[in-house]
Amino acid sequence: MLAAVATEFAGHDVSIETLRQDGHGDDATLRIVTHLAREGALADTIATLRNLDSVREVTSVMRVVGDSS
C-alpha cells in the first residue's frame, strides 16, 4: 500500500515531507504531511487515492498554509 500511495503523490508532483504508519497490513493507517503544493495537485492526488484498491478510505485532509521562510 505504501508504495502505491507514494507513487500517486509523486505522479502529481506533491512531495511528502513526513509519513507515519500505525499498524500494518490491512489495518495500517497513514498520516502524511506534504511540502508546499498546489491546491489542484493535492486535490487530484486525494481523488486518485480514494480510487486505489489498496486504500480503504481517506478520512480527512487538512490544508495548512504558513510562512515558508
N, C-alpha and C. Protein backbone atom coordinates (compact mmCIF):
# COMPACT_ATOMS: atom_id res chain seq x y z
N MET A 1 0.82 -1.19 0.00
CA MET A 1 0.00 0.00 0.00
C MET A 1 0.87 1.25 0.00
N LEU A 2 1.90 1.28 0.80
CA LEU A 2 2.74 2.46 0.92
C LEU A 2 3.36 2.86 -0.41
N ALA A 3 3.85 1.90 -1.16
CA ALA A 3 4.46 2.20 -2.46
C ALA A 3 3.44 2.80 -3.42
N ALA A 4 2.23 2.27 -3.43
CA ALA A 4 1.19 2.78 -4.33
C ALA A 4 0.81 4.21 -3.95
N VAL A 5 0.71 4.48 -2.67
CA VAL A 5 0.35 5.83 -2.20
C VAL A 5 1.47 6.81 -2.56
N ALA A 6 2.71 6.46 -2.28
CA ALA A 6 3.84 7.33 -2.58
C ALA A 6 3.93 7.61 -4.09
N THR A 7 3.66 6.61 -4.89
CA THR A 7 3.68 6.78 -6.34
C THR A 7 2.66 7.81 -6.80
N GLU A 8 1.48 7.78 -6.21
CA GLU A 8 0.44 8.75 -6.59
C GLU A 8 0.83 10.17 -6.20
N PHE A 9 1.41 10.34 -5.02
CA PHE A 9 1.87 11.68 -4.63
C PHE A 9 2.92 12.16 -5.63
N ALA A 10 3.90 11.32 -5.94
CA ALA A 10 4.96 11.70 -6.88
C ALA A 10 4.40 12.00 -8.26
N GLY A 11 3.43 11.21 -8.69
CA GLY A 11 2.84 11.40 -10.02
C GLY A 11 2.09 12.71 -10.18
N HIS A 12 1.70 13.30 -9.06
CA HIS A 12 1.00 14.59 -9.09
C HIS A 12 1.91 15.73 -8.63
N ASP A 13 3.21 15.45 -8.54
CA ASP A 13 4.20 16.45 -8.12
C ASP A 13 3.92 17.01 -6.74
N VAL A 14 3.45 16.15 -5.84
CA VAL A 14 3.23 16.53 -4.45
C VAL A 14 4.28 15.78 -3.63
N SER A 15 5.16 16.54 -2.99
CA SER A 15 6.28 15.97 -2.25
C SER A 15 5.88 15.66 -0.80
N ILE A 16 6.17 14.45 -0.35
CA ILE A 16 5.87 14.05 1.03
C ILE A 16 6.99 14.55 1.93
N GLU A 17 6.62 15.30 2.98
CA GLU A 17 7.60 15.77 3.96
C GLU A 17 7.80 14.74 5.06
N THR A 18 6.69 14.27 5.63
CA THR A 18 6.76 13.23 6.66
C THR A 18 5.62 12.25 6.45
N LEU A 19 5.86 11.02 6.89
CA LEU A 19 4.85 9.98 6.79
C LEU A 19 4.93 9.12 8.04
N ARG A 20 3.79 8.85 8.64
CA ARG A 20 3.74 7.98 9.82
C ARG A 20 2.76 6.86 9.52
N GLN A 21 3.20 5.64 9.77
CA GLN A 21 2.33 4.49 9.60
C GLN A 21 2.09 3.85 10.96
N ASP A 22 0.83 3.70 11.31
CA ASP A 22 0.42 2.98 12.52
C ASP A 22 -0.24 1.69 12.07
N GLY A 23 0.13 0.58 12.69
CA GLY A 23 -0.41 -0.72 12.31
C GLY A 23 0.30 -1.25 11.09
N HIS A 24 -0.22 -2.38 10.59
CA HIS A 24 0.38 -2.98 9.40
C HIS A 24 -0.68 -3.77 8.64
N GLY A 25 -0.34 -4.09 7.42
CA GLY A 25 -1.28 -4.85 6.58
C GLY A 25 -2.55 -4.07 6.32
N ASP A 26 -3.67 -4.79 6.31
CA ASP A 26 -4.96 -4.17 6.03
C ASP A 26 -5.41 -3.19 7.10
N ASP A 27 -4.77 -3.24 8.27
CA ASP A 27 -5.15 -2.34 9.37
C ASP A 27 -4.25 -1.12 9.48
N ALA A 28 -3.36 -0.91 8.52
CA ALA A 28 -2.44 0.22 8.58
C ALA A 28 -3.17 1.54 8.37
N THR A 29 -2.72 2.54 9.10
CA THR A 29 -3.20 3.91 8.95
C THR A 29 -1.99 4.78 8.62
N LEU A 30 -2.12 5.62 7.60
CA LEU A 30 -1.04 6.52 7.22
C LEU A 30 -1.43 7.95 7.53
N ARG A 31 -0.47 8.69 8.08
CA ARG A 31 -0.63 10.14 8.27
C ARG A 31 0.48 10.79 7.45
N ILE A 32 0.08 11.61 6.50
CA ILE A 32 1.05 12.17 5.56
C ILE A 32 1.02 13.68 5.63
N VAL A 33 2.20 14.28 5.74
CA VAL A 33 2.36 15.73 5.67
C VAL A 33 3.19 16.02 4.43
N THR A 34 2.71 16.94 3.62
CA THR A 34 3.42 17.26 2.38
C THR A 34 4.16 18.58 2.51
N HIS A 35 5.11 18.76 1.59
CA HIS A 35 5.71 20.08 1.42
C HIS A 35 4.66 20.97 0.75
N LEU A 36 4.93 22.23 0.63
CA LEU A 36 4.03 23.16 -0.05
C LEU A 36 3.68 22.61 -1.43
N ALA A 37 2.39 22.57 -1.74
CA ALA A 37 1.94 22.02 -3.02
C ALA A 37 0.77 22.84 -3.56
N ARG A 38 0.61 22.79 -4.87
CA ARG A 38 -0.54 23.46 -5.48
C ARG A 38 -1.82 22.78 -5.01
N GLU A 39 -2.84 23.56 -4.74
CA GLU A 39 -4.10 23.01 -4.25
C GLU A 39 -4.71 22.00 -5.22
N GLY A 40 -4.65 22.31 -6.50
CA GLY A 40 -5.19 21.40 -7.50
C GLY A 40 -4.45 20.08 -7.55
N ALA A 41 -3.13 20.13 -7.40
CA ALA A 41 -2.33 18.90 -7.41
C ALA A 41 -2.67 18.03 -6.21
N LEU A 42 -2.84 18.65 -5.05
CA LEU A 42 -3.20 17.89 -3.86
C LEU A 42 -4.61 17.31 -4.01
N ALA A 43 -5.54 18.08 -4.54
CA ALA A 43 -6.91 17.58 -4.75
C ALA A 43 -6.91 16.40 -5.71
N ASP A 44 -6.12 16.49 -6.77
CA ASP A 44 -6.04 15.38 -7.73
C ASP A 44 -5.43 14.14 -7.08
N THR A 45 -4.42 14.35 -6.23
CA THR A 45 -3.80 13.23 -5.52
C THR A 45 -4.82 12.53 -4.63
N ILE A 46 -5.57 13.29 -3.86
CA ILE A 46 -6.57 12.72 -2.94
C ILE A 46 -7.64 11.98 -3.72
N ALA A 47 -8.09 12.55 -4.83
CA ALA A 47 -9.10 11.87 -5.65
C ALA A 47 -8.60 10.53 -6.16
N THR A 48 -7.35 10.50 -6.58
CA THR A 48 -6.76 9.26 -7.07
C THR A 48 -6.61 8.24 -5.94
N LEU A 49 -6.16 8.70 -4.77
CA LEU A 49 -6.01 7.80 -3.62
C LEU A 49 -7.34 7.15 -3.25
N ARG A 50 -8.41 7.91 -3.32
CA ARG A 50 -9.73 7.38 -2.96
C ARG A 50 -10.16 6.24 -3.88
N ASN A 51 -9.58 6.17 -5.07
CA ASN A 51 -9.93 5.13 -6.03
C ASN A 51 -8.97 3.96 -6.06
N LEU A 52 -7.91 4.00 -5.24
CA LEU A 52 -6.97 2.89 -5.20
C LEU A 52 -7.57 1.70 -4.46
N ASP A 53 -7.37 0.51 -4.97
CA ASP A 53 -7.86 -0.69 -4.30
C ASP A 53 -7.22 -0.88 -2.93
N SER A 54 -5.99 -0.44 -2.77
CA SER A 54 -5.27 -0.65 -1.51
C SER A 54 -5.62 0.37 -0.43
N VAL A 55 -6.40 1.41 -0.78
CA VAL A 55 -6.80 2.44 0.19
C VAL A 55 -8.26 2.23 0.55
N ARG A 56 -8.49 1.96 1.82
CA ARG A 56 -9.87 1.75 2.30
C ARG A 56 -10.65 3.06 2.28
N GLU A 57 -10.05 4.12 2.83
CA GLU A 57 -10.69 5.43 2.82
C GLU A 57 -9.68 6.52 3.12
N VAL A 58 -9.98 7.72 2.68
CA VAL A 58 -9.24 8.92 3.07
C VAL A 58 -10.15 9.62 4.06
N THR A 59 -9.76 9.61 5.33
CA THR A 59 -10.67 10.10 6.36
C THR A 59 -10.67 11.60 6.52
N SER A 60 -9.55 12.24 6.27
CA SER A 60 -9.53 13.69 6.40
C SER A 60 -8.35 14.28 5.64
N VAL A 61 -8.53 15.52 5.24
CA VAL A 61 -7.47 16.30 4.61
C VAL A 61 -7.53 17.69 5.22
N MET A 62 -6.40 18.15 5.73
CA MET A 62 -6.34 19.48 6.33
C MET A 62 -5.27 20.28 5.63
N ARG A 63 -5.68 21.37 5.03
CA ARG A 63 -4.71 22.22 4.33
C ARG A 63 -4.25 23.30 5.30
N VAL A 64 -2.94 23.36 5.51
CA VAL A 64 -2.35 24.34 6.41
C VAL A 64 -1.36 25.16 5.58
N VAL A 65 -1.53 26.45 5.57
CA VAL A 65 -0.64 27.31 4.82
C VAL A 65 0.06 28.22 5.81
N GLY A 66 1.38 28.24 5.74
CA GLY A 66 2.15 29.09 6.66
C GLY A 66 3.27 29.77 5.92
N ASP A 67 4.05 30.50 6.65
CA ASP A 67 5.21 31.17 6.10
C ASP A 67 6.28 30.15 5.78
N SER A 68 6.70 30.08 4.54
CA SER A 68 7.67 29.07 4.12
C SER A 68 9.12 29.49 4.35
N SER A 69 9.34 30.66 4.95
CA SER A 69 10.72 31.10 5.18
C SER A 69 11.29 30.55 6.47
